[in-house]
C-alpha atoms as a PDB file:
ATOM      1  CA  UNK A   1      -0.021   0.025   0.004  1.00  0.00           C
ATOM      2  CA  UNK A   2       1.294   3.392  -0.892  1.00  0.00           C
ATOM      3  CA  UNK A   3       0.521   6.396   1.258  1.00  0.00           C
ATOM      4  CA  UNK A   4      -1.699   8.942  -0.305  1.00  0.00           C
ATOM      5  CA  UNK A   5      -0.423  12.417  -1.170  1.00  0.00           C
ATOM      6  CA  UNK A   6      -1.740  14.835   1.459  1.00  0.00           C
ATOM      7  CA  UNK A   7      -1.837  18.461   0.420  1.00  0.00           C
ATOM      8  CA  UNK A   8      -2.268  20.876   3.371  1.00  0.00           C
ATOM      9  CA  UNK A   9      -3.389  24.418   2.623  1.00  0.00           C
ATOM     10  CA  UNK A  10      -3.325  27.147   5.217  1.00  0.00           C
ATOM     11  CA  UNK A  11      -5.790  29.926   4.293  1.00  0.00           C
ATOM     12  CA  UNK A  12      -4.973  31.868   7.477  1.00  0.00           C
ATOM     13  CA  UNK A  13      -1.728  32.195   9.514  1.00  0.00           C
ATOM     14  CA  UNK A  14      -3.648  31.523  12.711  1.00  0.00           C
ATOM     15  CA  UNK A  15      -2.942  27.828  12.428  1.00  0.00           C
ATOM     16  CA  UNK A  16       0.813  27.945  12.146  1.00  0.00           C
ATOM     17  CA  UNK A  17       0.919  30.825  14.697  1.00  0.00           C
ATOM     18  CA  UNK A  18      -0.949  28.643  17.190  1.00  0.00           C
ATOM     19  CA  UNK A  19       1.636  25.910  16.907  1.00  0.00           C
ATOM     20  CA  UNK A  20       4.438  25.566  14.375  1.00  0.00           C
ATOM     21  CA  UNK A  21       4.032  21.761  14.580  1.00  0.00           C
ATOM     22  CA  UNK A  22       0.463  21.757  13.369  1.00  0.00           C
ATOM     23  CA  UNK A  23       1.336  20.690   9.755  1.00  0.00           C
ATOM     24  CA  UNK A  24       3.095  17.512  10.969  1.00  0.00           C
ATOM     25  CA  UNK A  25      -0.003  16.674  13.309  1.00  0.00           C
ATOM     26  CA  UNK A  26      -2.314  17.039  10.374  1.00  0.00           C
ATOM     27  CA  UNK A  27      -0.102  15.028   8.021  1.00  0.00           C
ATOM     28  CA  UNK A  28       0.322  12.093  10.497  1.00  0.00           C
ATOM     29  CA  UNK A  29      -3.350  12.058  11.394  1.00  0.00           C
ATOM     30  CA  UNK A  30      -4.504  12.003   7.722  1.00  0.00           C
ATOM     31  CA  UNK A  31      -2.016   9.257   6.825  1.00  0.00           C
ATOM     32  CA  UNK A  32      -3.034   7.157   9.880  1.00  0.00           C
ATOM     33  CA  UNK A  33      -6.700   7.453   9.095  1.00  0.00           C
ATOM     34  CA  UNK A  34      -6.198   6.543   5.484  1.00  0.00           C
ATOM     35  CA  UNK A  35      -4.211   3.494   6.355  1.00  0.00           C
ATOM     36  CA  UNK A  36      -6.727   2.316   8.980  1.00  0.00           C
ATOM     37  CA  UNK A  37      -9.819   2.966   6.860  1.00  0.00           C
ATOM     38  CA  UNK A  38      -8.963   2.520   3.233  1.00  0.00           C
ATOM     39  CA  UNK A  39     -10.509  -0.995   3.012  1.00  0.00           C
ATOM     40  CA  UNK A  40     -13.940   0.588   3.315  1.00  0.00           C
ATOM     41  CA  UNK A  41     -13.535   2.005  -0.238  1.00  0.00           C
ATOM     42  CA  UNK A  42     -12.567  -0.985  -2.443  1.00  0.00           C
ATOM     43  CA  UNK A  43     -11.816   1.208  -5.525  1.00  0.00           C
ATOM     44  CA  UNK A  44      -8.580   2.359  -3.689  1.00  0.00           C
ATOM     45  CA  UNK A  45      -7.189  -1.133  -4.177  1.00  0.00           C
ATOM     46  CA  UNK A  46      -6.908  -0.391  -7.901  1.00  0.00           C
ATOM     47  CA  UNK A  47      -4.618   2.557  -7.657  1.00  0.00           C
ATOM     48  CA  UNK A  48      -1.427   3.630  -5.904  1.00  0.00           C
ATOM     49  CA  UNK A  49      -1.993   7.355  -6.668  1.00  0.00           C
ATOM     50  CA  UNK A  50      -4.443   8.811  -4.087  1.00  0.00           C
ATOM     51  CA  UNK A  51      -4.623  12.451  -2.964  1.00  0.00           C
ATOM     52  CA  UNK A  52      -6.391  14.159  -0.103  1.00  0.00           C
ATOM     53  CA  UNK A  53      -6.515  17.852   0.564  1.00  0.00           C
ATOM     54  CA  UNK A  54      -6.782  19.358   4.010  1.00  0.00           C
ATOM     55  CA  UNK A  55      -7.718  23.023   4.077  1.00  0.00           C
ATOM     56  CA  UNK A  56      -7.203  24.884   7.245  1.00  0.00           C
ATOM     57  CA  UNK A  57      -9.391  28.025   7.270  1.00  0.00           C
ATOM     58  CA  UNK A  58     -11.269  30.333   9.528  1.00  0.00           C
ATOM     59  CA  UNK A  59     -14.895  30.435  10.846  1.00  0.00           C
ATOM     60  CA  UNK A  60     -16.156  32.902   8.225  1.00  0.00           C
ATOM     61  CA  UNK A  61     -15.176  30.528   5.446  1.00  0.00           C
ATOM     62  CA  UNK A  62     -16.564  27.550   7.375  1.00  0.00           C
ATOM     63  CA  UNK A  63     -19.894  29.327   7.931  1.00  0.00           C
ATOM     64  CA  UNK A  64     -20.198  30.059   4.232  1.00  0.00           C
ATOM     65  CA  UNK A  65     -19.401  26.412   3.305  1.00  0.00           C
ATOM     66  CA  UNK A  66     -21.700  25.119   5.947  1.00  0.00           C
ATOM     67  CA  UNK A  67     -24.555  27.399   4.775  1.00  0.00           C
ATOM     68  CA  UNK A  68     -24.006  26.565   1.076  1.00  0.00           C
ATOM     69  CA  UNK A  69     -23.567  22.769   1.411  1.00  0.00           C
ATOM     70  CA  UNK A  70     -25.505  21.822   4.528  1.00  0.00           C
ATOM     71  CA  UNK A  71     -28.030  24.698   4.876  1.00  0.00           C
ATOM     72  CA  UNK A  72     -26.672  25.525   8.370  1.00  0.00           C
ATOM     73  CA  UNK A  73     -25.863  29.191   8.801  1.00  0.00           C
ATOM     74  CA  UNK A  74     -23.169  28.793  11.406  1.00  0.00           C
ATOM     75  CA  UNK A  75     -19.466  27.829  11.416  1.00  0.00           C
ATOM     76  CA  UNK A  76     -18.523  24.208  12.178  1.00  0.00           C
ATOM     77  CA  UNK A  77     -15.340  22.429  13.163  1.00  0.00           C
ATOM     78  CA  UNK A  78     -14.871  20.108  10.243  1.00  0.00           C
ATOM     79  CA  UNK A  79     -16.398  19.514   6.816  1.00  0.00           C
ATOM     80  CA  UNK A  80     -15.641  16.682   4.421  1.00  0.00           C
ATOM     81  CA  UNK A  81     -16.330  16.684   0.751  1.00  0.00           C
ATOM     82  CA  UNK A  82     -15.691  13.213  -0.720  1.00  0.00           C
ATOM     83  CA  UNK A  83     -15.166  13.005  -4.469  1.00  0.00           C
ATOM     84  CA  UNK A  84     -15.290   9.220  -4.646  1.00  0.00           C
ATOM     85  CA  UNK A  85     -18.583   7.376  -3.762  1.00  0.00           C
ATOM     86  CA  UNK A  86     -18.716   3.897  -2.262  1.00  0.00           C
ATOM     87  CA  UNK A  87     -19.283   1.410  -5.085  1.00  0.00           C
ATOM     88  CA  UNK A  88     -17.904   3.771  -7.704  1.00  0.00           C
ATOM     89  CA  UNK A  89     -15.729   2.021 -10.181  1.00  0.00           C
ATOM     90  CA  UNK A  90     -12.560   3.738 -11.440  1.00  0.00           C
ATOM     91  CA  UNK A  91     -10.257   2.066 -14.002  1.00  0.00           C
ATOM     92  CA  UNK A  92      -7.103   0.485 -12.579  1.00  0.00           C
ATOM     93  CA  UNK A  93      -4.171   2.806 -12.250  1.00  0.00           C
ATOM     94  CA  UNK A  94      -6.153   6.086 -12.576  1.00  0.00           C
ATOM     95  CA  UNK A  95      -5.203   8.665  -9.948  1.00  0.00           C
ATOM     96  CA  UNK A  96      -7.924   9.270  -7.314  1.00  0.00           C
ATOM     97  CA  UNK A  97      -8.586  12.599  -5.660  1.00  0.00           C
ATOM     98  CA  UNK A  98     -10.373  11.303  -2.550  1.00  0.00           C
ATOM     99  CA  UNK A  99     -11.695  14.643  -1.515  1.00  0.00           C
ATOM    100  CA  UNK A 100     -11.248  17.603   0.833  1.00  0.00           C
ATOM    101  CA  UNK A 101     -11.255  17.927   4.618  1.00  0.00           C
ATOM    102  CA  UNK A 102     -11.767  21.515   5.738  1.00  0.00           C
ATOM    103  CA  UNK A 103     -11.022  22.656   9.329  1.00  0.00           C
ATOM    104  CA  UNK A 104     -12.333  25.800  11.044  1.00  0.00           C
ATOM    105  CA  UNK A 105      -9.771  27.414  13.345  1.00  0.00           C
ATOM    106  CA  UNK A 106     -11.867  29.486  15.770  1.00  0.00           C
ATOM    107  CA  UNK A 107     -14.444  26.833  16.351  1.00  0.00           C
ATOM    108  CA  UNK A 108     -11.765  24.152  16.888  1.00  0.00           C
ATOM    109  CA  UNK A 109      -9.899  26.442  19.385  1.00  0.00           C
ATOM    110  CA  UNK A 110     -13.143  27.134  21.301  1.00  0.00           C
ATOM    111  CA  UNK A 111     -14.054  23.413  21.450  1.00  0.00           C
ATOM    112  CA  UNK A 112     -10.543  22.426  22.588  1.00  0.00           C
ATOM    113  CA  UNK A 113     -10.826  24.963  25.391  1.00  0.00           C
ATOM    114  CA  UNK A 114     -14.339  23.905  26.408  1.00  0.00           C
ATOM    115  CA  UNK A 115     -13.264  20.225  26.381  1.00  0.00           C
ATOM    116  CA  UNK A 116     -10.045  21.013  28.122  1.00  0.00           C
ATOM    117  CA  UNK A 117      -7.907  19.281  25.514  1.00  0.00           C
ATOM    118  CA  UNK A 118      -4.829  20.388  23.603  1.00  0.00           C
ATOM    119  CA  UNK A 119      -5.593  22.049  20.275  1.00  0.00           C
ATOM    120  CA  UNK A 120      -3.116  19.542  18.656  1.00  0.00           C
ATOM    121  CA  UNK A 121      -5.157  16.514  19.980  1.00  0.00           C
ATOM    122  CA  UNK A 122      -8.406  18.092  18.859  1.00  0.00           C
ATOM    123  CA  UNK A 123      -6.934  18.836  15.433  1.00  0.00           C
ATOM    124  CA  UNK A 124      -5.664  15.296  15.025  1.00  0.00           C
ATOM    125  CA  UNK A 125      -9.125  13.933  16.026  1.00  0.00           C
ATOM    126  CA  UNK A 126     -10.980  16.122  13.480  1.00  0.00           C
ATOM    127  CA  UNK A 127      -8.547  15.291  10.644  1.00  0.00           C
ATOM    128  CA  UNK A 128      -8.972  11.548  11.386  1.00  0.00           C
ATOM    129  CA  UNK A 129     -12.773  12.050  11.456  1.00  0.00           C
ATOM    130  CA  UNK A 130     -12.721  13.961   8.254  1.00  0.00           C
ATOM    131  CA  UNK A 131     -10.583  11.529   6.275  1.00  0.00           C
ATOM    132  CA  UNK A 132     -12.742   8.608   7.527  1.00  0.00           C
ATOM    133  CA  UNK A 133     -15.732  10.475   6.082  1.00  0.00           C
ATOM    134  CA  UNK A 134     -13.862  10.627   2.751  1.00  0.00           C
ATOM    135  CA  UNK A 135     -13.433   6.877   2.901  1.00  0.00           C
ATOM    136  CA  UNK A 136     -17.147   6.311   3.295  1.00  0.00           C
ATOM    137  CA  UNK A 137     -17.511   6.025   7.125  1.00  0.00           C
ATOM    138  CA  UNK A 138     -20.470   7.809   8.683  1.00  0.00           C
ATOM    139  CA  UNK A 139     -22.215   8.348  12.079  1.00  0.00           C
ATOM    140  CA  UNK A 140     -25.778   8.904  11.157  1.00  0.00           C
ATOM    141  CA  UNK A 141     -26.969   5.593  12.526  1.00  0.00           C
ATOM    142  CA  UNK A 142     -25.989   4.221  16.030  1.00  0.00           C
ATOM    143  CA  UNK A 143     -24.101   1.253  14.720  1.00  0.00           C
ATOM    144  CA  UNK A 144     -22.180   3.308  12.171  1.00  0.00           C
ATOM    145  CA  UNK A 145     -21.392   5.826  14.853  1.00  0.00           C
ATOM    146  CA  UNK A 146     -20.068   3.211  17.267  1.00  0.00           C
ATOM    147  CA  UNK A 147     -17.850   1.752  14.537  1.00  0.00           C
ATOM    148  CA  UNK A 148     -16.518   5.095  13.379  1.00  0.00           C
ATOM    149  CA  UNK A 149     -15.875   6.374  16.937  1.00  0.00           C
ATOM    150  CA  UNK A 150     -14.024   3.156  17.865  1.00  0.00           C
ATOM    151  CA  UNK A 151     -11.892   3.375  14.696  1.00  0.00           C
ATOM    152  CA  UNK A 152     -11.159   7.081  15.521  1.00  0.00           C
ATOM    153  CA  UNK A 153     -10.133   6.182  19.032  1.00  0.00           C
ATOM    154  CA  UNK A 154      -7.931   3.351  17.874  1.00  0.00           C
ATOM    155  CA  UNK A 155      -6.148   5.572  15.344  1.00  0.00           C
ATOM    156  CA  UNK A 156      -5.641   8.471  17.815  1.00  0.00           C
ATOM    157  CA  UNK A 157      -4.381   6.178  20.564  1.00  0.00           C
ATOM    158  CA  UNK A 158      -1.758   4.803  18.098  1.00  0.00           C
ATOM    159  CA  UNK A 159      -0.721   8.447  17.432  1.00  0.00           C
ATOM    160  CA  UNK A 160      -0.372   8.994  21.202  1.00  0.00           C
ATOM    161  CA  UNK A 161      -3.605  10.896  21.857  1.00  0.00           C
ATOM    162  CA  UNK A 162      -6.329  10.169  24.395  1.00  0.00           C
ATOM    163  CA  UNK A 163      -9.659   8.736  23.393  1.00  0.00           C
ATOM    164  CA  UNK A 164     -11.507  11.950  22.381  1.00  0.00           C
ATOM    165  CA  UNK A 165     -14.857  10.404  23.530  1.00  0.00           C
ATOM    166  CA  UNK A 166     -13.738   9.894  27.116  1.00  0.00           C
ATOM    167  CA  UNK A 167     -12.626  13.483  27.650  1.00  0.00           C
END
């Protein structure tokens, strides 16, 4: 298995100002989530060329995206926009752009403070959560939610973070 190409885009300096190590946290979380969850999307077995984009933005951009794509007029912590659907067939060897994970800085900072957890741990959690959504995982039904939360916890614990659902 090849690792996917992870492109990280900082649309605001707030992210790197908060912690210069944020880029490595995002990269390791995205790679770990992909490795743990890629079997859920069988089309990925046909290609070694997979890309994921993680966009780190602010609450005003998140509010606009949330309003446009989900009909909710407020910022949110993470949005995922998958570009490959479960069951979709892609010819062998064709590069796959899995999708985009978008993170909202101010909301994530506020949540980390409210939950008394380090911003880096919260960032890792939401990157893992977002990448798993790109791979087809969901939490709309109880059984799906339990499976996804357990996988998130396992991935984060391997990365050295506490179970985010016990904090």
